[in-house]
Amino acid sequence: MRKTVAILFILLGVVLSAGGFFLAIPQDPLGSSPKMPFASLVFILGVMLVFLSAVVYELMPDKE
């Protein structure tokens, strides 16, 4: 069970960080505004979820 939850955290984190990265690309080549105003927060949240997957894996009890 804990392996499944940790993998879900990793997958969700990777999807969010990749989405935040691509949403932070400027709309026009000369502009500096991203496609989404808070894209950097989405990226950071995704990275945090990837690192929290290790915490979830260690703290959840293992079914034996």
PDB file of N, CA and C in Angstrom:
ATOM      1  N   MET A   1       0.817  -1.190   0.000  1.00  0.00           N
ATOM      2  CA  MET A   1       0.000   0.000   0.000  1.00  0.00           C
ATOM      3  C   MET A   1       0.863   1.257   0.000  1.00  0.00           C
ATOM      4  N   ARG A   2       1.920   1.237   0.838  1.00  0.00           N
ATOM      5  CA  ARG A   2       2.746   2.441   0.912  1.00  0.00           C
ATOM      6  C   ARG A   2       3.529   2.660  -0.371  1.00  0.00           C
ATOM      7  N   LYS A   3       3.875   1.582  -1.050  1.00  0.00           N
ATOM      8  CA  LYS A   3       4.588   1.730  -2.320  1.00  0.00           C
ATOM      9  C   LYS A   3       3.682   2.379  -3.361  1.00  0.00           C
ATOM     10  N   THR A   4       2.423   1.993  -3.373  1.00  0.00           N
ATOM     11  CA  THR A   4       1.459   2.561  -4.318  1.00  0.00           C
ATOM     12  C   THR A   4       1.241   4.043  -4.069  1.00  0.00           C
ATOM     13  N   VAL A   5       1.099   4.420  -2.805  1.00  0.00           N
ATOM     14  CA  VAL A   5       0.886   5.827  -2.470  1.00  0.00           C
ATOM     15  C   VAL A   5       2.128   6.646  -2.808  1.00  0.00           C
ATOM     16  N   ALA A   6       3.303   6.107  -2.538  1.00  0.00           N
ATOM     17  CA  ALA A   6       4.535   6.826  -2.857  1.00  0.00           C
ATOM     18  C   ALA A   6       4.689   7.008  -4.367  1.00  0.00           C
ATOM     19  N   ILE A   7       4.348   5.993  -5.133  1.00  0.00           N
ATOM     20  CA  ILE A   7       4.431   6.107  -6.597  1.00  0.00           C
ATOM     21  C   ILE A   7       3.429   7.129  -7.111  1.00  0.00           C
ATOM     22  N   LEU A   8       2.229   7.163  -6.521  1.00  0.00           N
ATOM     23  CA  LEU A   8       1.244   8.172  -6.909  1.00  0.00           C
ATOM     24  C   LEU A   8       1.738   9.581  -6.609  1.00  0.00           C
ATOM     25  N   PHE A   9       2.396   9.768  -5.466  1.00  0.00           N
ATOM     26  CA  PHE A   9       2.977  11.068  -5.134  1.00  0.00           C
ATOM     27  C   PHE A   9       4.041  11.456  -6.157  1.00  0.00           C
ATOM     28  N   ILE A  10       4.880  10.501  -6.535  1.00  0.00           N
ATOM     29  CA  ILE A  10       5.936  10.780  -7.509  1.00  0.00           C
ATOM     30  C   ILE A  10       5.331  11.154  -8.856  1.00  0.00           C
ATOM     31  N   LEU A  11       4.356  10.383  -9.317  1.00  0.00           N
ATOM     32  CA  LEU A  11       3.744  10.663 -10.619  1.00  0.00           C
ATOM     33  C   LEU A  11       3.038  12.015 -10.633  1.00  0.00           C
ATOM     34  N   LEU A  12       2.286  12.302  -9.580  1.00  0.00           N
ATOM     35  CA  LEU A  12       1.606  13.594  -9.497  1.00  0.00           C
ATOM     36  C   LEU A  12       2.613  14.741  -9.429  1.00  0.00           C
ATOM     37  N   GLY A  13       3.687  14.547  -8.699  1.00  0.00           N
ATOM     38  CA  GLY A  13       4.721  15.573  -8.609  1.00  0.00           C
ATOM     39  C   GLY A  13       5.406  15.822  -9.933  1.00  0.00           C
ATOM     40  N   VAL A  14       5.699  14.764 -10.670  1.00  0.00           N
ATOM     41  CA  VAL A  14       6.353  14.924 -11.973  1.00  0.00           C
ATOM     42  C   VAL A  14       5.419  15.617 -12.959  1.00  0.00           C
ATOM     43  N   VAL A  15       4.153  15.245 -12.937  1.00  0.00           N
ATOM     44  CA  VAL A  15       3.188  15.878 -13.840  1.00  0.00           C
ATOM     45  C   VAL A  15       3.032  17.361 -13.510  1.00  0.00           C
ATOM     46  N   LEU A  16       2.913  17.683 -12.227  1.00  0.00           N
ATOM     47  CA  LEU A  16       2.769  19.085 -11.835  1.00  0.00           C
ATOM     48  C   LEU A  16       4.021  19.901 -12.144  1.00  0.00           C
ATOM     49  N   SER A  17       5.191  19.340 -11.887  1.00  0.00           N
ATOM     50  CA  SER A  17       6.416  20.097 -12.148  1.00  0.00           C
ATOM     51  C   SER A  17       6.636  20.286 -13.643  1.00  0.00           C
ATOM     52  N   ALA A  18       6.336  19.276 -14.445  1.00  0.00           N
ATOM     53  CA  ALA A  18       6.470  19.441 -15.896  1.00  0.00           C
ATOM     54  C   ALA A  18       5.441  20.440 -16.426  1.00  0.00           C
ATOM     55  N   GLY A  19       4.214  20.351 -15.918  1.00  0.00           N
ATOM     56  CA  GLY A  19       3.195  21.311 -16.331  1.00  0.00           C
ATOM     57  C   GLY A  19       3.539  22.732 -15.927  1.00  0.00           C
ATOM     58  N   GLY A  20       4.040  22.910 -14.704  1.00  0.00           N
ATOM     59  CA  GLY A  20       4.446  24.235 -14.255  1.00  0.00           C
ATOM     60  C   GLY A  20       5.613  24.776 -15.052  1.00  0.00           C
ATOM     61  N   PHE A  21       6.525  23.888 -15.430  1.00  0.00           N
ATOM     62  CA  PHE A  21       7.673  24.315 -16.241  1.00  0.00           C
ATOM     63  C   PHE A  21       7.215  24.809 -17.607  1.00  0.00           C
ATOM     64  N   PHE A  22       6.325  24.054 -18.240  1.00  0.00           N
ATOM     65  CA  PHE A  22       5.882  24.459 -19.577  1.00  0.00           C
ATOM     66  C   PHE A  22       4.916  25.643 -19.544  1.00  0.00           C
ATOM     67  N   LEU A  23       4.210  25.826 -18.436  1.00  0.00           N
ATOM     68  CA  LEU A  23       3.345  26.997 -18.310  1.00  0.00           C
ATOM     69  C   LEU A  23       4.134  28.269 -18.011  1.00  0.00           C
ATOM     70  N   ALA A  24       5.366  28.130 -17.569  1.00  0.00           N
ATOM     71  CA  ALA A  24       6.192  29.296 -17.256  1.00  0.00           C
ATOM     72  C   ALA A  24       6.898  29.851 -18.494  1.00  0.00           C
ATOM     73  N   ILE A  25       6.820  29.153 -19.616  1.00  0.00           N
ATOM     74  CA  ILE A  25       7.447  29.640 -20.849  1.00  0.00           C
ATOM     75  C   ILE A  25       6.683  30.867 -21.330  1.00  0.00           C
ATOM     76  N   PRO A  26       7.389  31.947 -21.668  1.00  0.00           N
ATOM     77  CA  PRO A  26       6.694  33.167 -22.114  1.00  0.00           C
ATOM     78  C   PRO A  26       5.865  32.942 -23.377  1.00  0.00           C
ATOM     79  N   GLN A  27       4.803  33.734 -23.506  1.00  0.00           N
ATOM     80  CA  GLN A  27       3.910  33.586 -24.653  1.00  0.00           C
ATOM     81  C   GLN A  27       4.567  34.085 -25.934  1.00  0.00           C
ATOM     82  N   ASP A  28       5.236  35.198 -25.865  1.00  0.00           N
ATOM     83  CA  ASP A  28       5.887  35.744 -27.044  1.00  0.00           C
ATOM     84  C   ASP A  28       7.403  35.727 -26.834  1.00  0.00           C
ATOM     85  N   PRO A  29       8.170  35.662 -27.904  1.00  0.00           N
ATOM     86  CA  PRO A  29       9.626  35.539 -27.768  1.00  0.00           C
ATOM     87  C   PRO A  29      10.282  36.748 -27.089  1.00  0.00           C
ATOM     88  N   LEU A  30       9.704  37.924 -27.217  1.00  0.00           N
ATOM     89  CA  LEU A  30      10.324  39.112 -26.639  1.00  0.00           C
ATOM     90  C   LEU A  30       9.767  39.455 -25.256  1.00  0.00           C
ATOM     91  N   GLY A  31       8.677  38.856 -24.871  1.00  0.00           N
ATOM     92  CA  GLY A  31       8.045  39.166 -23.591  1.00  0.00           C
ATOM     93  C   GLY A  31       8.627  38.345 -22.457  1.00  0.00           C
ATOM     94  N   SER A  32       8.309  38.759 -21.250  1.00  0.00           N
ATOM     95  CA  SER A  32       8.800  38.029 -20.092  1.00  0.00           C
ATOM     96  C   SER A  32       7.671  37.506 -19.211  1.00  0.00           C
ATOM     97  N   SER A  33       6.434  37.700 -19.642  1.00  0.00           N
ATOM     98  CA  SER A  33       5.324  37.211 -18.829  1.00  0.00           C
ATOM     99  C   SER A  33       5.022  35.757 -19.186  1.00  0.00           C
ATOM    100  N   PRO A  34       4.854  34.910 -18.167  1.00  0.00           N
ATOM    101  CA  PRO A  34       4.559  33.504 -18.444  1.00  0.00           C
ATOM    102  C   PRO A  34       3.118  33.311 -18.909  1.00  0.00           C
ATOM    103  N   LYS A  35       2.835  32.110 -19.413  1.00  0.00           N
ATOM    104  CA  LYS A  35       1.470  31.790 -19.849  1.00  0.00           C
ATOM    105  C   LYS A  35       0.503  31.812 -18.673  1.00  0.00           C
ATOM    106  N   MET A  36       0.964  31.388 -17.521  1.00  0.00           N
ATOM    107  CA  MET A  36       0.141  31.371 -16.314  1.00  0.00           C
ATOM    108  C   MET A  36       0.881  32.151 -15.226  1.00  0.00           C
ATOM    109  N   PRO A  37       0.225  33.071 -14.549  1.00  0.00           N
ATOM    110  CA  PRO A  37       0.931  33.932 -13.586  1.00  0.00           C
ATOM    111  C   PRO A  37       1.638  33.180 -12.452  1.00  0.00           C
ATOM    112  N   PHE A  38       1.053  32.106 -11.939  1.00  0.00           N
ATOM    113  CA  PHE A  38       1.653  31.408 -10.812  1.00  0.00           C
ATOM    114  C   PHE A  38       2.222  30.051 -11.225  1.00  0.00           C
ATOM    115  N   ALA A  39       2.817  29.976 -12.400  1.00  0.00           N
ATOM    116  CA  ALA A  39       3.367  28.717 -12.903  1.00  0.00           C
ATOM    117  C   ALA A  39       4.544  28.249 -12.051  1.00  0.00           C
ATOM    118  N   SER A  40       5.301  29.176 -11.510  1.00  0.00           N
ATOM    119  CA  SER A  40       6.439  28.781 -10.680  1.00  0.00           C
ATOM    120  C   SER A  40       5.969  28.084  -9.401  1.00  0.00           C
ATOM    121  N   LEU A  41       4.834  28.492  -8.864  1.00  0.00           N
ATOM    122  CA  LEU A  41       4.300  27.823  -7.680  1.00  0.00           C
ATOM    123  C   LEU A  41       3.840  26.406  -7.993  1.00  0.00           C
ATOM    124  N   VAL A  42       3.290  26.200  -9.167  1.00  0.00           N
ATOM    125  CA  VAL A  42       2.884  24.847  -9.587  1.00  0.00           C
ATOM    126  C   VAL A  42       4.116  23.965  -9.716  1.00  0.00           C
ATOM    127  N   PHE A  43       5.186  24.509 -10.281  1.00  0.00           N
ATOM    128  CA  PHE A  43       6.441  23.765 -10.415  1.00  0.00           C
ATOM    129  C   PHE A  43       7.004  23.396  -9.040  1.00  0.00           C
ATOM    130  N   ILE A  44       7.032  24.359  -8.130  1.00  0.00           N
ATOM    131  CA  ILE A  44       7.566  24.117  -6.792  1.00  0.00           C
ATOM    132  C   ILE A  44       6.718  23.090  -6.045  1.00  0.00           C
ATOM    133  N   LEU A  45       5.410  23.166  -6.180  1.00  0.00           N
ATOM    134  CA  LEU A  45       4.526  22.189  -5.559  1.00  0.00           C
ATOM    135  C   LEU A  45       4.803  20.780  -6.086  1.00  0.00           C
ATOM    136  N   GLY A  46       5.050  20.666  -7.377  1.00  0.00           N
ATOM    137  CA  GLY A  46       5.367  19.362  -7.957  1.00  0.00           C
ATOM    138  C   GLY A  46       6.666  18.796  -7.417  1.00  0.00           C
ATOM    139  N   VAL A  47       7.682  19.636  -7.290  1.00  0.00           N
ATOM    140  CA  VAL A  47       8.966  19.177  -6.742  1.00  0.00           C
ATOM    141  C   VAL A  47       8.805  18.776  -5.277  1.00  0.00           C
ATOM    142  N   MET A  48       8.007  19.539  -4.533  1.00  0.00           N
ATOM    143  CA  MET A  48       7.770  19.199  -3.133  1.00  0.00           C
ATOM    144  C   MET A  48       7.061  17.846  -3.005  1.00  0.00           C
ATOM    145  N   LEU A  49       6.118  17.571  -3.895  1.00  0.00           N
ATOM    146  CA  LEU A  49       5.431  16.276  -3.841  1.00  0.00           C
ATOM    147  C   LEU A  49       6.375  15.117  -4.122  1.00  0.00           C
ATOM    148  N   VAL A  50       7.318  15.330  -5.040  1.00  0.00           N
ATOM    149  CA  VAL A  50       8.288  14.265  -5.328  1.00  0.00           C
ATOM    150  C   VAL A  50       9.139  13.986  -4.091  1.00  0.00           C
ATOM    151  N   PHE A  51       9.581  15.017  -3.402  1.00  0.00           N
ATOM    152  CA  PHE A  51      10.383  14.813  -2.202  1.00  0.00           C
ATOM    153  C   PHE A  51       9.544  14.274  -1.038  1.00  0.00           C
ATOM    154  N   LEU A  52       8.274  14.661  -0.971  1.00  0.00           N
ATOM    155  CA  LEU A  52       7.406  14.147   0.087  1.00  0.00           C
ATOM    156  C   LEU A  52       7.062  12.675  -0.106  1.00  0.00           C
ATOM    157  N   SER A  53       7.244  12.159  -1.296  1.00  0.00           N
ATOM    158  CA  SER A  53       6.968  10.738  -1.516  1.00  0.00           C
ATOM    159  C   SER A  53       7.886   9.870  -0.663  1.00  0.00           C
ATOM    160  N   ALA A  54       9.113  10.310  -0.437  1.00  0.00           N
ATOM    161  CA  ALA A  54      10.019   9.550   0.433  1.00  0.00           C
ATOM    162  C   ALA A  54       9.531   9.570   1.871  1.00  0.00           C
ATOM    163  N   VAL A  55       8.996  10.703   2.307  1.00  0.00           N
ATOM    164  CA  VAL A  55       8.464  10.801   3.668  1.00  0.00           C
ATOM    165  C   VAL A  55       7.239   9.903   3.822  1.00  0.00           C
ATOM    166  N   VAL A  56       6.380   9.919   2.825  1.00  0.00           N
ATOM    167  CA  VAL A  56       5.183   9.066   2.861  1.00  0.00           C
ATOM    168  C   VAL A  56       5.587   7.598   2.897  1.00  0.00           C
ATOM    169  N   TYR A  57       6.572   7.232   2.112  1.00  0.00           N
ATOM    170  CA  TYR A  57       7.006   5.839   2.065  1.00  0.00           C
ATOM    171  C   TYR A  57       7.581   5.393   3.414  1.00  0.00           C
ATOM    172  N   GLU A  58       8.311   6.277   4.075  1.00  0.00           N
ATOM    173  CA  GLU A  58       8.927   5.901   5.344  1.00  0.00           C
ATOM    174  C   GLU A  58       7.947   5.908   6.517  1.00  0.00           C
ATOM    175  N   LEU A  59       6.962   6.802   6.497  1.00  0.00           N
ATOM    176  CA  LEU A  59       6.076   6.939   7.645  1.00  0.00           C
ATOM    177  C   LEU A  59       4.834   6.059   7.599  1.00  0.00           C
ATOM    178  N   MET A  60       4.426   5.637   6.415  1.00  0.00           N
ATOM    179  CA  MET A  60       3.254   4.759   6.337  1.00  0.00           C
ATOM    180  C   MET A  60       3.606   3.366   6.801  1.00  0.00           C
ATOM    181  N   PRO A  61       2.719   2.740   7.568  1.00  0.00           N
ATOM    182  CA  PRO A  61       2.992   1.365   7.997  1.00  0.00           C
ATOM    183  C   PRO A  61       2.892   0.395   6.831  1.00  0.00           C
ATOM    184  N   ASP A  62       3.708  -0.621   6.868  1.00  0.00           N
ATOM    185  CA  ASP A  62       3.718  -1.634   5.810  1.00  0.00           C
ATOM    186  C   ASP A  62       2.772  -2.765   6.200  1.00  0.00           C
ATOM    187  N   LYS A  63       1.934  -3.190   5.242  1.00  0.00           N
ATOM    188  CA  LYS A  63       1.049  -4.342   5.495  1.00  0.00           C
ATOM    189  C   LYS A  63       1.887  -5.607   5.456  1.00  0.00           C
ATOM    190  N   GLU A  64       1.775  -6.361   6.504  1.00  0.00           N
ATOM    191  CA  GLU A  64       2.540  -7.626   6.542  1.00  0.00           C
ATOM    192  C   GLU A  64       1.603  -8.791   6.729  1.00  0.00           C
TER     193      GLU A  64
END
